Amino acid sequence: MWIETKTEVEKASRTRASFSRRVLNGLLLCSGDMEHLDKYMKDKSFVLQLVVCGLRAVARVILANNPLSGGLILAALYWASPWQGLLGTLGVLASTLTAVITGQDSAEVAGGLHGFNGMLVSLLMGEFSSAGDWYWWLLLPVFLGSATCVFLFSGLSSFLDRWDLPAAVFPFNIIIILYLLCTGPEHPYFPHHSVKPPGALEPNATELIALQVIRGIPLGVGQIFACGDLGPSLLILGAVFLYSPLLAVHALLGSAVGTLTGLSMAVRHESLYSGLSGFNGALGCMTVGGLFFTFSLWTHLFAIASGWSPSKQLGSYSGGHTDVAVDRQFSSVPHPNWSSESS
C-alpha cells in the first residue's frame, strides 16, 4: 500500500514538472524576437505576413521586436480608446504598405522599422486633435503623414549612415511639427488644442497626493503611446516584459527617475499624476539599459542617468498640457509638501 502511494506521488510530481516545463518552453517561444515565427511565415500569405510586420512595428515604438507584444499593446490602445486604436492601426498599415509598394528593404519592412513612425504620427495626431473622437476627416492627414514617414526614413537613413546614426523617430518628429505648423486651433478641418500662455497657468497646489504620483510611474510607460489609463498602461508594461524582463524593469525605473526629476523641479502636478513626467525617462533608460549596451553595473547606472536627463526637458503630448520646462520657469510656488489626501 505504501509503495503504491509513493509511486502515485512520484507520478503526480513528474506530471507537474513536465507541465511546468511545457509552460516555460511555451513562454520562451513567445519571448524575445521570435525569429522562428519569421521562418514559419515565409511561405504564408501576404496578409498574414503584413499582420506580423504591423504588430512588430507597434512593438518597435517601445523598443521591443515581438509581434505578440505588439498585439498586446494594440489591444491596450483599443481598451483605452477605440478611436486611438483605429488611428494607430491605420498609421501602421499606411506606412508598412507604402514601404512594400516603394520597394524598401524587405528585412526592414519585416522587422517593423518602416511602421513605428506611422504609428506614432497617427496616435499623436489623434491626441492633439480638438475635434474629438470619430472625426473622420482626421483619417486623411493620418494616412498621408504615416505614408510620408517612409520616404523621410529612407532618405534620412541614407544621410545619417555615414556617421553611423539611426534615423529612429526623426520622421515622426518632422511630420508632427509640420502638421501642427500647417494647422491650428481655428483650422476648419483639422483643429488642434492650443497651448496655454505662461501667464494663464494656475499655480501649483501646496500639497501633493503621494498615491497619485506613484500611480503616475506605470502611466509614464503608457504615455509612450499617448495612453493615460492605468489598466492599459499595465498591459503595455506586460507586453514589454514578455519581450524582455530587463527592458520592462528599466522602463519602470526610468519612469520613476523621470517622475522624481519632475518632482524636484516642481513641475505641474498633472504632469506627475498623468505620467507625462516619466515617459521620456522610461525611453532613455530602456534605450541605454536594455537595448544598445551590454548590461553591466556601469551601463545600469548610465541608464538611470539617461532616465534623469531627458525628463528635465520634457515636452507634453497633448495641447492641454504646456511644456514642462516653460511650466517650471513660470511657476512661483515653492516645493510641494507630501500628503496622502487631496488638497
C-alpha atoms as a PDB file:
ATOM      1  CA  MET A   1       0.000   0.000   0.000  1.00  0.00           C
ATOM      2  CA  TRP A   2       2.779   2.392   0.929  1.00  0.00           C
ATOM      3  CA  ILE A   3       4.686   1.552  -2.276  1.00  0.00           C
ATOM      4  CA  GLU A   4       1.617   2.239  -4.410  1.00  0.00           C
ATOM      5  CA  THR A   5       1.056   5.582  -2.700  1.00  0.00           C
ATOM      6  CA  LYS A   6       4.700   6.539  -3.192  1.00  0.00           C
ATOM      7  CA  THR A   7       4.507   5.595  -6.874  1.00  0.00           C
ATOM      8  CA  GLU A   8       1.392   7.709  -7.356  1.00  0.00           C
ATOM      9  CA  VAL A   9       3.044  10.699  -5.651  1.00  0.00           C
ATOM     10  CA  GLU A  10       6.145  10.386  -7.844  1.00  0.00           C
ATOM     11  CA  LYS A  11       3.998  10.098 -10.962  1.00  0.00           C
ATOM     12  CA  ALA A  12       1.992  13.209  -9.996  1.00  0.00           C
ATOM     13  CA  SER A  13       5.234  15.074  -9.276  1.00  0.00           C
ATOM     14  CA  ARG A  14       6.649  14.137 -12.677  1.00  0.00           C
ATOM     15  CA  THR A  15       3.409  15.229 -14.350  1.00  0.00           C
ATOM     16  CA  ARG A  16       3.533  18.623 -12.636  1.00  0.00           C
ATOM     17  CA  ALA A  17       7.200  19.046 -13.536  1.00  0.00           C
ATOM     18  CA  SER A  18       6.502  18.113 -17.145  1.00  0.00           C
ATOM     19  CA  PHE A  19       3.614  20.596 -17.286  1.00  0.00           C
ATOM     20  CA  SER A  20       5.783  23.350 -15.787  1.00  0.00           C
ATOM     21  CA  ARG A  21       8.486  22.671 -18.370  1.00  0.00           C
ATOM     22  CA  ARG A  22       5.968  22.846 -21.195  1.00  0.00           C
ATOM     23  CA  VAL A  23       4.609  26.146 -19.901  1.00  0.00           C
ATOM     24  CA  LEU A  24       8.134  27.563 -19.533  1.00  0.00           C
ATOM     25  CA  ASN A  25       9.119  26.405 -23.020  1.00  0.00           C
ATOM     26  CA  GLY A  26       5.952  27.964 -24.402  1.00  0.00           C
ATOM     27  CA  LEU A  27       6.729  31.288 -22.712  1.00  0.00           C
ATOM     28  CA  LEU A  28      10.297  31.199 -24.024  1.00  0.00           C
ATOM     29  CA  LEU A  29       8.966  30.655 -27.545  1.00  0.00           C
ATOM     30  CA  CYS A  30       6.756  33.736 -27.137  1.00  0.00           C
ATOM     31  CA  SER A  31       9.508  35.970 -25.735  1.00  0.00           C
ATOM     32  CA  GLY A  32      12.398  37.735 -27.396  1.00  0.00           C
ATOM     33  CA  ASP A  33      12.433  38.452 -31.125  1.00  0.00           C
ATOM     34  CA  MET A  34      10.511  35.271 -32.080  1.00  0.00           C
ATOM     35  CA  GLU A  35      12.748  34.669 -35.085  1.00  0.00           C
ATOM     36  CA  HIS A  36      11.246  31.213 -35.522  1.00  0.00           C
ATOM     37  CA  LEU A  37       7.962  32.904 -36.429  1.00  0.00           C
ATOM     38  CA  ASP A  38       9.613  34.702 -39.358  1.00  0.00           C
ATOM     39  CA  LYS A  39      10.844  31.382 -40.735  1.00  0.00           C
ATOM     40  CA  TYR A  40       7.371  29.920 -40.360  1.00  0.00           C
ATOM     41  CA  MET A  41       5.734  32.900 -42.120  1.00  0.00           C
ATOM     42  CA  LYS A  42       7.961  32.856 -45.220  1.00  0.00           C
ATOM     43  CA  ASP A  43       5.595  30.724 -47.298  1.00  0.00           C
ATOM     44  CA  LYS A  44       2.374  32.181 -45.833  1.00  0.00           C
ATOM     45  CA  SER A  45       0.013  34.627 -47.497  1.00  0.00           C
ATOM     46  CA  PHE A  46       0.855  38.314 -47.833  1.00  0.00           C
ATOM     47  CA  VAL A  47      -1.965  39.298 -45.475  1.00  0.00           C
ATOM     48  CA  LEU A  48      -0.581  37.171 -42.627  1.00  0.00           C
ATOM     49  CA  GLN A  49       2.933  38.491 -43.217  1.00  0.00           C
ATOM     50  CA  LEU A  50       1.538  42.035 -43.188  1.00  0.00           C
ATOM     51  CA  VAL A  51      -0.142  41.397 -39.842  1.00  0.00           C
ATOM     52  CA  VAL A  52       3.114  40.173 -38.294  1.00  0.00           C
ATOM     53  CA  CYS A  53       5.056  43.130 -39.754  1.00  0.00           C
ATOM     54  CA  GLY A  54       2.460  45.550 -38.428  1.00  0.00           C
ATOM     55  CA  LEU A  55       2.497  44.065 -34.939  1.00  0.00           C
ATOM     56  CA  ARG A  56       6.283  44.220 -34.854  1.00  0.00           C
ATOM     57  CA  ALA A  57       6.028  47.890 -35.848  1.00  0.00           C
ATOM     58  CA  VAL A  58       3.638  48.558 -32.962  1.00  0.00           C
ATOM     59  CA  ALA A  59       6.099  46.994 -30.515  1.00  0.00           C
ATOM     60  CA  ARG A  60       9.021  48.902 -32.070  1.00  0.00           C
ATOM     61  CA  VAL A  61       7.590  52.126 -30.645  1.00  0.00           C
ATOM     62  CA  ILE A  62       8.605  50.948 -27.182  1.00  0.00           C
ATOM     63  CA  LEU A  63      11.892  49.372 -28.384  1.00  0.00           C
ATOM     64  CA  ALA A  64      10.545  45.809 -28.488  1.00  0.00           C
ATOM     65  CA  ASN A  65      10.561  43.476 -31.500  1.00  0.00           C
ATOM     66  CA  ASN A  66       7.913  40.909 -30.767  1.00  0.00           C
ATOM     67  CA  PRO A  67       4.582  40.528 -32.622  1.00  0.00           C
ATOM     68  CA  LEU A  68       2.810  39.191 -29.539  1.00  0.00           C
ATOM     69  CA  SER A  69       3.961  42.230 -27.597  1.00  0.00           C
ATOM     70  CA  GLY A  70       2.645  44.359 -30.442  1.00  0.00           C
ATOM     71  CA  GLY A  71      -0.697  42.581 -30.251  1.00  0.00           C
ATOM     72  CA  LEU A  72      -0.955  43.215 -26.509  1.00  0.00           C
ATOM     73  CA  ILE A  73      -0.066  46.880 -26.975  1.00  0.00           C
ATOM     74  CA  LEU A  74      -2.629  47.298 -29.735  1.00  0.00           C
ATOM     75  CA  ALA A  75      -5.236  45.649 -27.502  1.00  0.00           C
ATOM     76  CA  ALA A  76      -4.311  48.102 -24.737  1.00  0.00           C
ATOM     77  CA  LEU A  77      -4.813  51.041 -27.107  1.00  0.00           C
ATOM     78  CA  TYR A  78      -8.244  49.779 -28.148  1.00  0.00           C
ATOM     79  CA  TRP A  79      -9.045  49.252 -24.469  1.00  0.00           C
ATOM     80  CA  ALA A  80      -8.097  52.825 -23.604  1.00  0.00           C
ATOM     81  CA  SER A  81      -9.707  54.405 -26.690  1.00  0.00           C
ATOM     82  CA  PRO A  82     -11.112  52.542 -29.716  1.00  0.00           C
ATOM     83  CA  TRP A  83     -10.616  55.685 -31.792  1.00  0.00           C
ATOM     84  CA  GLN A  84      -6.926  55.900 -30.903  1.00  0.00           C
ATOM     85  CA  GLY A  85      -6.591  52.189 -31.577  1.00  0.00           C
ATOM     86  CA  LEU A  86      -8.135  52.661 -35.016  1.00  0.00           C
ATOM     87  CA  LEU A  87      -5.821  55.580 -35.810  1.00  0.00           C
ATOM     88  CA  GLY A  88      -2.795  53.578 -34.709  1.00  0.00           C
ATOM     89  CA  THR A  89      -3.832  50.630 -36.860  1.00  0.00           C
ATOM     90  CA  LEU A  90      -4.333  52.880 -39.895  1.00  0.00           C
ATOM     91  CA  GLY A  91      -0.956  54.547 -39.345  1.00  0.00           C
ATOM     92  CA  VAL A  92       0.895  51.240 -39.162  1.00  0.00           C
ATOM     93  CA  LEU A  93      -0.858  49.845 -42.235  1.00  0.00           C
ATOM     94  CA  ALA A  94      -0.328  53.022 -44.276  1.00  0.00           C
ATOM     95  CA  SER A  95       3.393  53.226 -43.560  1.00  0.00           C
ATOM     96  CA  THR A  96       4.030  49.474 -43.918  1.00  0.00           C
ATOM     97  CA  LEU A  97       2.125  49.200 -47.206  1.00  0.00           C
ATOM     98  CA  THR A  98       3.906  52.284 -48.535  1.00  0.00           C
ATOM     99  CA  ALA A  99       7.245  50.657 -47.709  1.00  0.00           C
ATOM    100  CA  VAL A 100       6.198  47.493 -49.539  1.00  0.00           C
ATOM    101  CA  ILE A 101       4.932  49.381 -52.614  1.00  0.00           C
ATOM    102  CA  THR A 102       8.049  51.564 -52.881  1.00  0.00           C
ATOM    103  CA  GLY A 103      10.342  48.531 -52.606  1.00  0.00           C
ATOM    104  CA  GLN A 104      12.055  49.256 -49.313  1.00  0.00           C
ATOM    105  CA  ASP A 105      14.417  46.690 -47.819  1.00  0.00           C
ATOM    106  CA  SER A 106      12.379  43.568 -47.059  1.00  0.00           C
ATOM    107  CA  ALA A 107      14.233  42.832 -43.812  1.00  0.00           C
ATOM    108  CA  GLU A 108      13.488  46.340 -42.522  1.00  0.00           C
ATOM    109  CA  VAL A 109       9.840  46.046 -43.519  1.00  0.00           C
ATOM    110  CA  ALA A 110       9.530  42.625 -41.869  1.00  0.00           C
ATOM    111  CA  GLY A 111      11.148  43.984 -38.695  1.00  0.00           C
ATOM    112  CA  GLY A 112       8.634  46.826 -38.432  1.00  0.00           C
ATOM    113  CA  LEU A 113      11.194  49.581 -38.956  1.00  0.00           C
ATOM    114  CA  HIS A 114       9.016  51.366 -41.504  1.00  0.00           C
ATOM    115  CA  GLY A 115       5.842  51.124 -39.456  1.00  0.00           C
ATOM    116  CA  PHE A 116       6.539  52.504 -35.999  1.00  0.00           C
ATOM    117  CA  ASN A 117       6.901  56.116 -37.156  1.00  0.00           C
ATOM    118  CA  GLY A 118       3.494  55.863 -38.796  1.00  0.00           C
ATOM    119  CA  MET A 119       2.109  54.525 -35.531  1.00  0.00           C
ATOM    120  CA  LEU A 120       3.468  57.484 -33.586  1.00  0.00           C
ATOM    121  CA  VAL A 121       2.256  60.029 -36.143  1.00  0.00           C
ATOM    122  CA  SER A 122      -1.285  58.664 -36.106  1.00  0.00           C
ATOM    123  CA  LEU A 123      -1.502  58.471 -32.309  1.00  0.00           C
ATOM    124  CA  LEU A 124      -0.189  61.985 -31.801  1.00  0.00           C
ATOM    125  CA  MET A 125      -2.459  63.479 -34.445  1.00  0.00           C
ATOM    126  CA  GLY A 126      -5.383  61.938 -32.624  1.00  0.00           C
ATOM    127  CA  GLU A 127      -4.119  63.124 -29.257  1.00  0.00           C
ATOM    128  CA  PHE A 128      -3.536  66.695 -30.427  1.00  0.00           C
ATOM    129  CA  SER A 129      -6.850  66.959 -32.283  1.00  0.00           C
ATOM    130  CA  SER A 130      -9.517  69.055 -30.571  1.00  0.00           C
ATOM    131  CA  ALA A 131     -12.292  67.742 -32.833  1.00  0.00           C
ATOM    132  CA  GLY A 132     -12.986  64.767 -30.577  1.00  0.00           C
ATOM    133  CA  ASP A 133     -13.245  61.062 -31.298  1.00  0.00           C
ATOM    134  CA  TRP A 134     -14.595  59.634 -34.544  1.00  0.00           C
ATOM    135  CA  TYR A 135     -13.751  62.755 -36.520  1.00  0.00           C
ATOM    136  CA  TRP A 136     -13.345  61.077 -39.901  1.00  0.00           C
ATOM    137  CA  TRP A 137     -11.596  64.000 -41.614  1.00  0.00           C
ATOM    138  CA  LEU A 138      -8.587  63.215 -39.416  1.00  0.00           C
ATOM    139  CA  LEU A 139      -8.016  59.952 -41.284  1.00  0.00           C
ATOM    140  CA  LEU A 140      -6.693  61.926 -44.254  1.00  0.00           C
ATOM    141  CA  PRO A 141      -3.663  63.552 -42.548  1.00  0.00           C
ATOM    142  CA  VAL A 142      -3.101  60.350 -40.580  1.00  0.00           C
ATOM    143  CA  PHE A 143      -2.820  58.338 -43.786  1.00  0.00           C
ATOM    144  CA  LEU A 144      -0.700  60.894 -45.642  1.00  0.00           C
ATOM    145  CA  GLY A 145       1.570  61.635 -42.670  1.00  0.00           C
ATOM    146  CA  SER A 146       2.167  57.952 -41.934  1.00  0.00           C
ATOM    147  CA  ALA A 147       2.958  57.213 -45.584  1.00  0.00           C
ATOM    148  CA  THR A 148       5.340  60.184 -45.799  1.00  0.00           C
ATOM    149  CA  CYS A 149       7.326  58.824 -42.858  1.00  0.00           C
ATOM    150  CA  VAL A 150       8.595  56.024 -45.114  1.00  0.00           C
ATOM    151  CA  PHE A 151      10.205  58.461 -47.557  1.00  0.00           C
ATOM    152  CA  LEU A 152      11.725  60.515 -44.746  1.00  0.00           C
ATOM    153  CA  PHE A 153      13.031  57.396 -43.019  1.00  0.00           C
ATOM    154  CA  SER A 154      14.638  56.139 -46.226  1.00  0.00           C
ATOM    155  CA  GLY A 155      16.212  59.496 -47.072  1.00  0.00           C
ATOM    156  CA  LEU A 156      17.426  60.209 -43.540  1.00  0.00           C
ATOM    157  CA  SER A 157      18.856  56.703 -43.191  1.00  0.00           C
ATOM    158  CA  SER A 158      20.998  57.192 -46.293  1.00  0.00           C
ATOM    159  CA  PHE A 159      22.150  60.571 -44.998  1.00  0.00           C
ATOM    160  CA  LEU A 160      22.874  59.522 -41.404  1.00  0.00           C
ATOM    161  CA  ASP A 161      24.546  56.210 -42.253  1.00  0.00           C
ATOM    162  CA  ARG A 162      27.819  57.996 -42.975  1.00  0.00           C
ATOM    163  CA  TRP A 163      28.002  58.868 -39.269  1.00  0.00           C
ATOM    164  CA  ASP A 164      26.585  55.502 -38.171  1.00  0.00           C
ATOM    165  CA  LEU A 165      23.483  57.177 -36.726  1.00  0.00           C
ATOM    166  CA  PRO A 166      19.928  55.774 -36.850  1.00  0.00           C
ATOM    167  CA  ALA A 167      17.042  57.701 -38.376  1.00  0.00           C
ATOM    168  CA  ALA A 168      14.888  56.488 -35.451  1.00  0.00           C
ATOM    169  CA  VAL A 169      11.970  58.873 -34.804  1.00  0.00           C
ATOM    170  CA  PHE A 170      13.214  61.833 -36.854  1.00  0.00           C
ATOM    171  CA  PRO A 171      10.466  61.242 -39.475  1.00  0.00           C
ATOM    172  CA  PHE A 172       7.768  61.233 -36.799  1.00  0.00           C
ATOM    173  CA  ASN A 173       9.029  64.485 -35.269  1.00  0.00           C
ATOM    174  CA  ILE A 174       9.279  66.208 -38.640  1.00  0.00           C
ATOM    175  CA  ILE A 175       5.772  65.204 -39.701  1.00  0.00           C
ATOM    176  CA  ILE A 176       4.139  66.174 -36.403  1.00  0.00           C
ATOM    177  CA  ILE A 177       5.869  69.578 -36.288  1.00  0.00           C
ATOM    178  CA  LEU A 178       4.878  70.326 -39.894  1.00  0.00           C
ATOM    179  CA  TYR A 179       1.317  69.199 -39.199  1.00  0.00           C
ATOM    180  CA  LEU A 180       0.989  71.488 -36.177  1.00  0.00           C
ATOM    181  CA  LEU A 181       2.553  74.390 -38.078  1.00  0.00           C
ATOM    182  CA  CYS A 182       0.169  73.973 -41.012  1.00  0.00           C
ATOM    183  CA  THR A 183      -2.953  73.679 -38.857  1.00  0.00           C
ATOM    184  CA  GLY A 184      -4.106  75.466 -35.735  1.00  0.00           C
ATOM    185  CA  PRO A 185      -6.825  75.743 -33.099  1.00  0.00           C
ATOM    186  CA  GLU A 186      -9.128  77.503 -35.576  1.00  0.00           C
ATOM    187  CA  HIS A 187      -8.487  75.294 -38.592  1.00  0.00           C
ATOM    188  CA  PRO A 188     -11.843  74.406 -40.225  1.00  0.00           C
ATOM    189  CA  TYR A 189     -10.979  70.731 -40.759  1.00  0.00           C
ATOM    190  CA  PHE A 190      -8.016  69.829 -38.533  1.00  0.00           C
ATOM    191  CA  PRO A 191      -8.176  71.898 -35.344  1.00  0.00           C
ATOM    192  CA  HIS A 192      -5.868  71.040 -32.504  1.00  0.00           C
ATOM    193  CA  HIS A 193      -5.573  72.087 -28.896  1.00  0.00           C
ATOM    194  CA  SER A 194      -3.949  75.420 -28.182  1.00  0.00           C
ATOM    195  CA  VAL A 195      -1.095  75.766 -25.711  1.00  0.00           C
ATOM    196  CA  LYS A 196      -1.911  77.939 -22.747  1.00  0.00           C
ATOM    197  CA  PRO A 197       0.269  81.059 -22.471  1.00  0.00           C
ATOM    198  CA  PRO A 198       2.560  81.021 -19.428  1.00  0.00           C
ATOM    199  CA  GLY A 199       0.713  83.854 -17.736  1.00  0.00           C
ATOM    200  CA  ALA A 200      -2.522  81.870 -17.758  1.00  0.00           C
ATOM    201  CA  LEU A 201      -1.129  78.942 -15.798  1.00  0.00           C
ATOM    202  CA  GLU A 202      -2.679  78.361 -12.431  1.00  0.00           C
ATOM    203  CA  PRO A 203      -0.219  77.954  -9.560  1.00  0.00           C
ATOM    204  CA  ASN A 204       0.545  74.518  -8.175  1.00  0.00           C
ATOM    205  CA  ALA A 205      -1.264  73.414  -5.066  1.00  0.00           C
ATOM    206  CA  THR A 206       0.918  73.293  -1.996  1.00  0.00           C
ATOM    207  CA  GLU A 207       0.087  69.634  -1.311  1.00  0.00           C
ATOM    208  CA  LEU A 208       0.899  66.630  -3.446  1.00  0.00           C
ATOM    209  CA  ILE A 209      -1.057  63.350  -3.478  1.00  0.00           C
ATOM    210  CA  ALA A 210       1.593  60.665  -2.966  1.00  0.00           C
ATOM    211  CA  LEU A 211      -0.518  57.779  -4.281  1.00  0.00           C
ATOM    212  CA  GLN A 212      -1.250  59.691  -7.462  1.00  0.00           C
ATOM    213  CA  VAL A 213       2.460  60.279  -8.008  1.00  0.00           C
ATOM    214  CA  ILE A 214       3.182  56.554  -7.544  1.00  0.00           C
ATOM    215  CA  ARG A 215       0.342  55.757  -9.940  1.00  0.00           C
ATOM    216  CA  GLY A 216       1.999  58.071 -12.457  1.00  0.00           C
ATOM    217  CA  ILE A 217       5.065  55.799 -12.686  1.00  0.00           C
ATOM    218  CA  PRO A 218       3.375  52.991 -14.686  1.00  0.00           C
ATOM    219  CA  LEU A 219       1.377  55.639 -16.515  1.00  0.00           C
ATOM    220  CA  GLY A 220       4.704  57.002 -17.761  1.00  0.00           C
ATOM    221  CA  VAL A 221       5.155  53.752 -19.700  1.00  0.00           C
ATOM    222  CA  GLY A 222       1.671  54.078 -21.184  1.00  0.00           C
ATOM    223  CA  GLN A 223       2.294  57.693 -22.188  1.00  0.00           C
ATOM    224  CA  ILE A 224       4.851  56.460 -24.721  1.00  0.00           C
ATOM    225  CA  PHE A 225       1.710  55.568 -26.695  1.00  0.00           C
ATOM    226  CA  ALA A 226      -0.198  58.662 -25.516  1.00  0.00           C
ATOM    227  CA  CYS A 227      -2.197  56.418 -23.171  1.00  0.00           C
ATOM    228  CA  GLY A 228      -3.114  57.853 -19.792  1.00  0.00           C
ATOM    229  CA  ASP A 229      -5.177  54.991 -18.304  1.00  0.00           C
ATOM    230  CA  LEU A 230      -3.717  52.690 -15.658  1.00  0.00           C
ATOM    231  CA  GLY A 231      -5.093  49.353 -16.888  1.00  0.00           C
ATOM    232  CA  PRO A 232      -3.905  49.727 -20.498  1.00  0.00           C
ATOM    233  CA  SER A 233      -0.565  51.095 -19.255  1.00  0.00           C
ATOM    234  CA  LEU A 234      -0.011  47.977 -17.150  1.00  0.00           C
ATOM    235  CA  LEU A 235      -0.884  45.838 -20.171  1.00  0.00           C
ATOM    236  CA  ILE A 236       1.696  47.744 -22.225  1.00  0.00           C
ATOM    237  CA  LEU A 237       4.246  47.137 -19.473  1.00  0.00           C
ATOM    238  CA  GLY A 238       3.338  43.450 -19.534  1.00  0.00           C
ATOM    239  CA  ALA A 239       3.920  43.400 -23.291  1.00  0.00           C
ATOM    240  CA  VAL A 240       7.410  44.808 -22.752  1.00  0.00           C
ATOM    241  CA  PHE A 241       8.022  42.199 -20.030  1.00  0.00           C
ATOM    242  CA  LEU A 242       7.045  39.460 -22.471  1.00  0.00           C
ATOM    243  CA  TYR A 243       9.707  40.668 -24.879  1.00  0.00           C
ATOM    244  CA  SER A 244      12.397  41.341 -22.273  1.00  0.00           C
ATOM    245  CA  PRO A 245      12.035  41.458 -18.466  1.00  0.00           C
ATOM    246  CA  LEU A 246      15.207  43.565 -18.340  1.00  0.00           C
ATOM    247  CA  LEU A 247      13.651  46.130 -20.682  1.00  0.00           C
ATOM    248  CA  ALA A 248      10.489  46.239 -18.579  1.00  0.00           C
ATOM    249  CA  VAL A 249      12.443  46.814 -15.374  1.00  0.00           C
ATOM    250  CA  HIS A 250      14.325  49.689 -16.999  1.00  0.00           C
ATOM    251  CA  ALA A 251      11.045  51.129 -18.299  1.00  0.00           C
ATOM    252  CA  LEU A 252       9.637  51.322 -14.769  1.00  0.00           C
ATOM    253  CA  LEU A 253      12.938  52.525 -13.352  1.00  0.00           C
ATOM    254  CA  GLY A 254      13.260  55.260 -15.977  1.00  0.00           C
ATOM    255  CA  SER A 255       9.692  56.415 -15.427  1.00  0.00           C
ATOM    256  CA  ALA A 256      10.313  56.551 -11.675  1.00  0.00           C
ATOM    257  CA  VAL A 257      13.504  58.573 -12.179  1.00  0.00           C
ATOM    258  CA  GLY A 258      11.714  60.919 -14.548  1.00  0.00           C
ATOM    259  CA  THR A 259       8.870  61.391 -12.097  1.00  0.00           C
ATOM    260  CA  LEU A 260      11.314  62.164  -9.276  1.00  0.00           C
ATOM    261  CA  THR A 261      13.107  64.612 -11.547  1.00  0.00           C
ATOM    262  CA  GLY A 262       9.833  66.351 -12.300  1.00  0.00           C
ATOM    263  CA  LEU A 263       9.046  66.431  -8.598  1.00  0.00           C
ATOM    264  CA  SER A 264      12.413  68.011  -7.818  1.00  0.00           C
ATOM    265  CA  MET A 265      11.710  70.700 -10.421  1.00  0.00           C
ATOM    266  CA  ALA A 266       8.198  71.368  -9.053  1.00  0.00           C
ATOM    267  CA  VAL A 267       6.530  70.728 -12.411  1.00  0.00           C
ATOM    268  CA  ARG A 268       2.769  70.761 -12.767  1.00  0.00           C
ATOM    269  CA  HIS A 269       1.112  68.165 -10.561  1.00  0.00           C
ATOM    270  CA  GLU A 270      -0.959  67.000 -13.513  1.00  0.00           C
ATOM    271  CA  SER A 271       2.269  66.045 -15.289  1.00  0.00           C
ATOM    272  CA  LEU A 272       3.300  63.910 -12.327  1.00  0.00           C
ATOM    273  CA  TYR A 273      -0.099  62.278 -11.953  1.00  0.00           C
ATOM    274  CA  SER A 274      -0.598  61.542 -15.669  1.00  0.00           C
ATOM    275  CA  GLY A 275       2.849  60.069 -16.325  1.00  0.00           C
ATOM    276  CA  LEU A 276       3.978  62.885 -18.610  1.00  0.00           C
ATOM    277  CA  SER A 277       6.999  63.461 -16.378  1.00  0.00           C
ATOM    278  CA  GLY A 278       8.107  59.862 -16.749  1.00  0.00           C
ATOM    279  CA  PHE A 279       7.725  58.702 -20.333  1.00  0.00           C
ATOM    280  CA  ASN A 280      10.900  60.345 -21.668  1.00  0.00           C
ATOM    281  CA  GLY A 281      12.851  58.949 -18.737  1.00  0.00           C
ATOM    282  CA  ALA A 282      11.428  55.491 -19.438  1.00  0.00           C
ATOM    283  CA  LEU A 283      12.545  55.623 -23.072  1.00  0.00           C
ATOM    284  CA  GLY A 284      16.003  56.926 -22.178  1.00  0.00           C
ATOM    285  CA  CYS A 285      16.553  54.274 -19.508  1.00  0.00           C
ATOM    286  CA  MET A 286      15.282  51.481 -21.756  1.00  0.00           C
ATOM    287  CA  THR A 287      17.483  52.545 -24.655  1.00  0.00           C
ATOM    288  CA  VAL A 288      20.687  52.509 -22.636  1.00  0.00           C
ATOM    289  CA  GLY A 289      19.995  49.779 -20.090  1.00  0.00           C
ATOM    290  CA  GLY A 290      18.107  47.254 -22.163  1.00  0.00           C
ATOM    291  CA  LEU A 291      18.861  47.814 -25.834  1.00  0.00           C
ATOM    292  CA  PHE A 292      22.025  49.475 -27.114  1.00  0.00           C
ATOM    293  CA  PHE A 293      24.551  48.432 -24.465  1.00  0.00           C
ATOM    294  CA  THR A 294      25.547  45.142 -22.878  1.00  0.00           C
ATOM    295  CA  PHE A 295      24.061  45.074 -19.394  1.00  0.00           C
ATOM    296  CA  SER A 296      26.508  45.736 -16.558  1.00  0.00           C
ATOM    297  CA  LEU A 297      26.656  47.817 -13.406  1.00  0.00           C
ATOM    298  CA  TRP A 298      28.079  50.796 -15.280  1.00  0.00           C
ATOM    299  CA  THR A 299      25.536  50.673 -18.093  1.00  0.00           C
ATOM    300  CA  HIS A 300      22.807  50.304 -15.477  1.00  0.00           C
ATOM    301  CA  LEU A 301      23.977  53.494 -13.753  1.00  0.00           C
ATOM    302  CA  PHE A 302      24.286  55.177 -17.141  1.00  0.00           C
ATOM    303  CA  ALA A 303      20.712  54.102 -17.906  1.00  0.00           C
ATOM    304  CA  ILE A 304      19.486  55.767 -14.694  1.00  0.00           C
ATOM    305  CA  ALA A 305      21.290  58.955 -15.676  1.00  0.00           C
ATOM    306  CA  SER A 306      19.707  58.690 -19.121  1.00  0.00           C
ATOM    307  CA  GLY A 307      16.309  58.467 -17.478  1.00  0.00           C
ATOM    308  CA  TRP A 308      17.021  61.625 -15.495  1.00  0.00           C
ATOM    309  CA  SER A 309      18.387  63.868 -18.241  1.00  0.00           C
ATOM    310  CA  PRO A 310      15.561  63.925 -20.832  1.00  0.00           C
ATOM    311  CA  SER A 311      12.959  64.323 -18.123  1.00  0.00           C
ATOM    312  CA  LYS A 312      14.350  67.763 -17.375  1.00  0.00           C
ATOM    313  CA  GLN A 313      13.426  68.858 -20.889  1.00  0.00           C
ATOM    314  CA  LEU A 314      10.099  67.060 -21.114  1.00  0.00           C
ATOM    315  CA  GLY A 315       7.569  68.313 -23.654  1.00  0.00           C
ATOM    316  CA  SER A 316       3.926  67.363 -23.387  1.00  0.00           C
ATOM    317  CA  TYR A 317       1.888  65.108 -25.693  1.00  0.00           C
ATOM    318  CA  SER A 318      -1.421  66.932 -25.731  1.00  0.00           C
ATOM    319  CA  GLY A 319      -2.192  70.583 -26.225  1.00  0.00           C
ATOM    320  CA  GLY A 320      -3.956  70.618 -22.859  1.00  0.00           C
ATOM    321  CA  HIS A 321      -0.538  70.399 -21.169  1.00  0.00           C
ATOM    322  CA  THR A 322       2.139  73.014 -21.616  1.00  0.00           C
ATOM    323  CA  ASP A 323       5.810  72.320 -21.964  1.00  0.00           C
ATOM    324  CA  VAL A 324       7.191  71.353 -18.587  1.00  0.00           C
ATOM    325  CA  ALA A 325      10.322  73.452 -18.935  1.00  0.00           C
ATOM    326  CA  VAL A 326       8.199  76.555 -19.573  1.00  0.00           C
ATOM    327  CA  ASP A 327       5.828  75.412 -16.844  1.00  0.00           C
ATOM    328  CA  ARG A 328       8.690  75.267 -14.342  1.00  0.00           C
ATOM    329  CA  GLN A 329      10.068  78.636 -15.416  1.00  0.00           C
ATOM    330  CA  PHE A 330       6.816  80.463 -14.731  1.00  0.00           C
ATOM    331  CA  SER A 331       5.848  78.615 -11.573  1.00  0.00           C
ATOM    332  CA  SER A 332       6.356  80.679  -8.432  1.00  0.00           C
ATOM    333  CA  VAL A 333       5.088  78.083  -5.971  1.00  0.00           C
ATOM    334  CA  PRO A 334       7.608  76.582  -3.535  1.00  0.00           C
ATOM    335  CA  HIS A 335       8.356  72.863  -3.436  1.00  0.00           C
ATOM    336  CA  PRO A 336       5.162  70.970  -2.512  1.00  0.00           C
ATOM    337  CA  ASN A 337       4.623  69.134   0.725  1.00  0.00           C
ATOM    338  CA  TRP A 338       3.708  65.453   0.637  1.00  0.00           C
ATOM    339  CA  SER A 339       0.176  64.486   1.524  1.00  0.00           C
ATOM    340  CA  SER A 340      -1.751  61.236   1.281  1.00  0.00           C
ATOM    341  CA  GLU A 341      -5.033  63.090   0.812  1.00  0.00           C
ATOM    342  CA  SER A 342      -6.297  65.512  -1.789  1.00  0.00           C
ATOM    343  CA  SER A 343      -5.784  69.138  -1.057  1.00  0.00           C
END
